[in-house]
Amino acid sequence: MRDTLPVAASVTVEIRNTNNEVIEAIDACPGRRDFQQYAVDEYAGSTEVFDWIVVEQDLIFLGKKMQPEEGWQIRYVLEDGRTAIYKAAPNGGKRVFDVLDNIGLMYRIHTNLSSIEDAPTA
């Protein structure tokens, strides 16, 4: 069971860095999900905070391995064909990701739900 857990729990996402370079299909495991509320002047709202777990070796853009940065997009196609767009953002720290293991093979990328795009029309 342990060997199949990452495959069974993972989904395919697209990752775009701040230069709009794309990794079209990468396996990522949805991580912690939370809602945060905020108030700015007379406005109040909430945001969905969502973590994605990825293998560090998969983050290669144009032959160069990169660490997640603020503004990166993780794009996930929902069951109804719409695309949820999550943007990398720090969550209580200075970096947008945490290293999950002692040797740096797995990253937890902190994101906020930015928008949901309509499904493409035929």
Protein backbone atom coordinates (compact mmCIF):
# COMPACT_ATOMS: atom_id res chain seq x y z
CA MET A 1 0.00 0.00 0.00
CA ARG A 2 2.79 2.44 0.84
CA ASP A 3 4.30 2.20 -2.66
CA THR A 4 0.97 3.03 -4.32
CA LEU A 5 -0.10 5.91 -2.08
CA PRO A 6 1.69 8.75 -3.95
CA VAL A 7 0.31 7.57 -7.29
CA ALA A 8 -3.23 7.08 -5.99
CA ALA A 9 -3.27 10.45 -4.21
CA SER A 10 -1.65 12.48 -6.96
CA VAL A 11 -3.28 14.49 -9.73
CA THR A 12 -1.83 15.92 -12.91
CA VAL A 13 -1.30 19.70 -12.89
CA GLU A 14 0.43 22.29 -15.04
CA ILE A 15 3.00 24.59 -13.45
CA ARG A 16 3.97 27.99 -14.88
CA ASN A 17 6.84 30.04 -13.51
CA THR A 18 6.97 33.84 -13.48
CA ASN A 19 8.58 33.86 -16.96
CA ASN A 20 5.49 32.00 -18.25
CA GLU A 21 7.57 28.89 -18.91
CA VAL A 22 5.42 25.78 -18.52
CA ILE A 23 5.72 22.24 -17.21
CA GLU A 24 2.62 20.81 -18.89
CA ALA A 25 2.06 17.62 -16.92
CA ILE A 26 3.47 17.08 -13.45
CA ASP A 27 2.14 14.81 -10.71
CA ALA A 28 1.26 16.68 -7.52
CA CYS A 29 -0.48 15.59 -4.34
CA PRO A 30 -3.04 17.99 -2.90
CA GLY A 31 -1.90 18.90 0.60
CA ARG A 32 -3.35 20.96 3.45
CA ARG A 33 -6.39 23.06 2.58
CA ASP A 34 -7.55 26.01 4.66
CA PHE A 35 -9.62 29.16 4.39
CA GLN A 36 -8.27 32.45 5.70
CA GLN A 37 -10.36 35.53 6.36
CA TYR A 38 -9.03 39.05 6.09
CA ALA A 39 -10.17 42.63 6.58
CA VAL A 40 -8.69 45.64 4.78
CA ASP A 41 -10.20 49.02 5.61
CA GLU A 42 -13.96 48.57 5.14
CA TYR A 43 -13.57 45.43 3.01
CA ALA A 44 -13.55 41.85 4.23
CA GLY A 45 -13.13 38.60 2.41
CA SER A 46 -11.62 35.17 2.46
CA THR A 47 -9.12 33.21 0.45
CA GLU A 48 -8.52 29.51 -0.04
CA VAL A 49 -5.03 28.45 1.01
CA PHE A 50 -3.96 25.20 -0.59
CA ASP A 51 -0.69 23.29 -0.48
CA TRP A 52 0.62 21.11 -3.32
CA ILE A 53 3.28 18.44 -2.76
CA VAL A 54 5.68 17.88 -5.67
CA VAL A 55 8.91 16.03 -6.31
CA GLU A 56 11.79 18.51 -6.46
CA GLN A 57 13.32 16.76 -9.50
CA ASP A 58 10.16 17.46 -11.55
CA LEU A 59 10.57 21.26 -11.37
CA ILE A 60 12.64 21.63 -14.53
CA PHE A 61 11.96 24.55 -16.87
CA LEU A 62 13.83 24.55 -20.19
CA GLY A 63 16.46 22.17 -18.78
CA LYS A 64 17.03 24.14 -15.57
CA LYS A 65 15.86 22.90 -12.17
CA MET A 66 14.20 25.69 -10.17
CA GLN A 67 12.81 26.21 -6.68
CA PRO A 68 9.24 27.51 -6.38
CA GLU A 69 8.87 31.30 -6.29
CA GLU A 70 6.08 33.69 -5.43
CA GLY A 71 3.78 34.13 -8.41
CA TRP A 72 4.19 30.66 -9.88
CA GLN A 73 0.88 29.21 -11.04
CA ILE A 74 -0.37 25.69 -10.45
CA ARG A 75 -3.23 24.99 -12.84
CA TYR A 76 -5.57 22.08 -12.11
CA VAL A 77 -8.38 20.99 -14.44
CA LEU A 78 -11.54 20.29 -12.45
CA GLU A 79 -13.98 17.47 -13.24
CA ASP A 80 -16.33 19.87 -15.05
CA GLY A 81 -13.53 21.08 -17.38
CA ARG A 82 -12.90 24.41 -15.66
CA THR A 83 -9.35 25.20 -14.56
CA ALA A 84 -8.53 26.23 -10.99
CA ILE A 85 -5.51 28.54 -10.88
CA TYR A 86 -3.49 28.62 -7.67
CA LYS A 87 -0.68 31.16 -7.19
CA ALA A 88 2.35 30.43 -5.03
CA ALA A 89 2.50 32.72 -2.00
CA PRO A 90 4.23 32.60 1.40
CA ASN A 91 2.12 31.15 4.18
CA GLY A 92 3.42 32.46 7.49
CA GLY A 93 7.05 32.42 6.39
CA LYS A 94 9.41 33.98 3.89
CA ARG A 95 9.40 31.19 1.30
CA VAL A 96 6.53 29.82 -0.76
CA PHE A 97 7.58 26.24 -0.12
CA ASP A 98 8.83 23.91 2.60
CA VAL A 99 11.14 20.94 2.17
CA LEU A 100 9.30 17.87 3.47
CA ASP A 101 12.12 15.38 3.92
CA ASN A 102 15.69 15.33 5.20
CA ILE A 103 17.29 15.10 1.76
CA GLY A 104 15.16 17.63 -0.11
CA LEU A 105 13.27 15.36 -2.49
CA MET A 106 9.75 16.64 -1.78
CA TYR A 107 8.46 20.21 -1.66
CA ARG A 108 5.20 21.53 -0.20
CA ILE A 109 4.27 24.59 -2.27
CA HIS A 110 1.95 27.08 -0.52
CA THR A 111 -0.68 28.61 -2.82
CA ASN A 112 -3.84 30.69 -2.79
CA LEU A 113 -6.74 30.06 -5.14
CA SER A 114 -6.44 32.94 -7.60
CA SER A 115 -9.22 32.27 -10.11
CA ILE A 116 -11.21 29.64 -11.96
CA GLU A 117 -11.26 29.74 -15.76
CA ASP A 118 -14.20 28.49 -17.77
CA ALA A 119 -13.86 25.23 -19.65
CA PRO A 120 -12.63 25.60 -23.24
CA THR A 121 -15.40 25.60 -25.82
CA ALA A 122 -15.25 23.33 -28.82
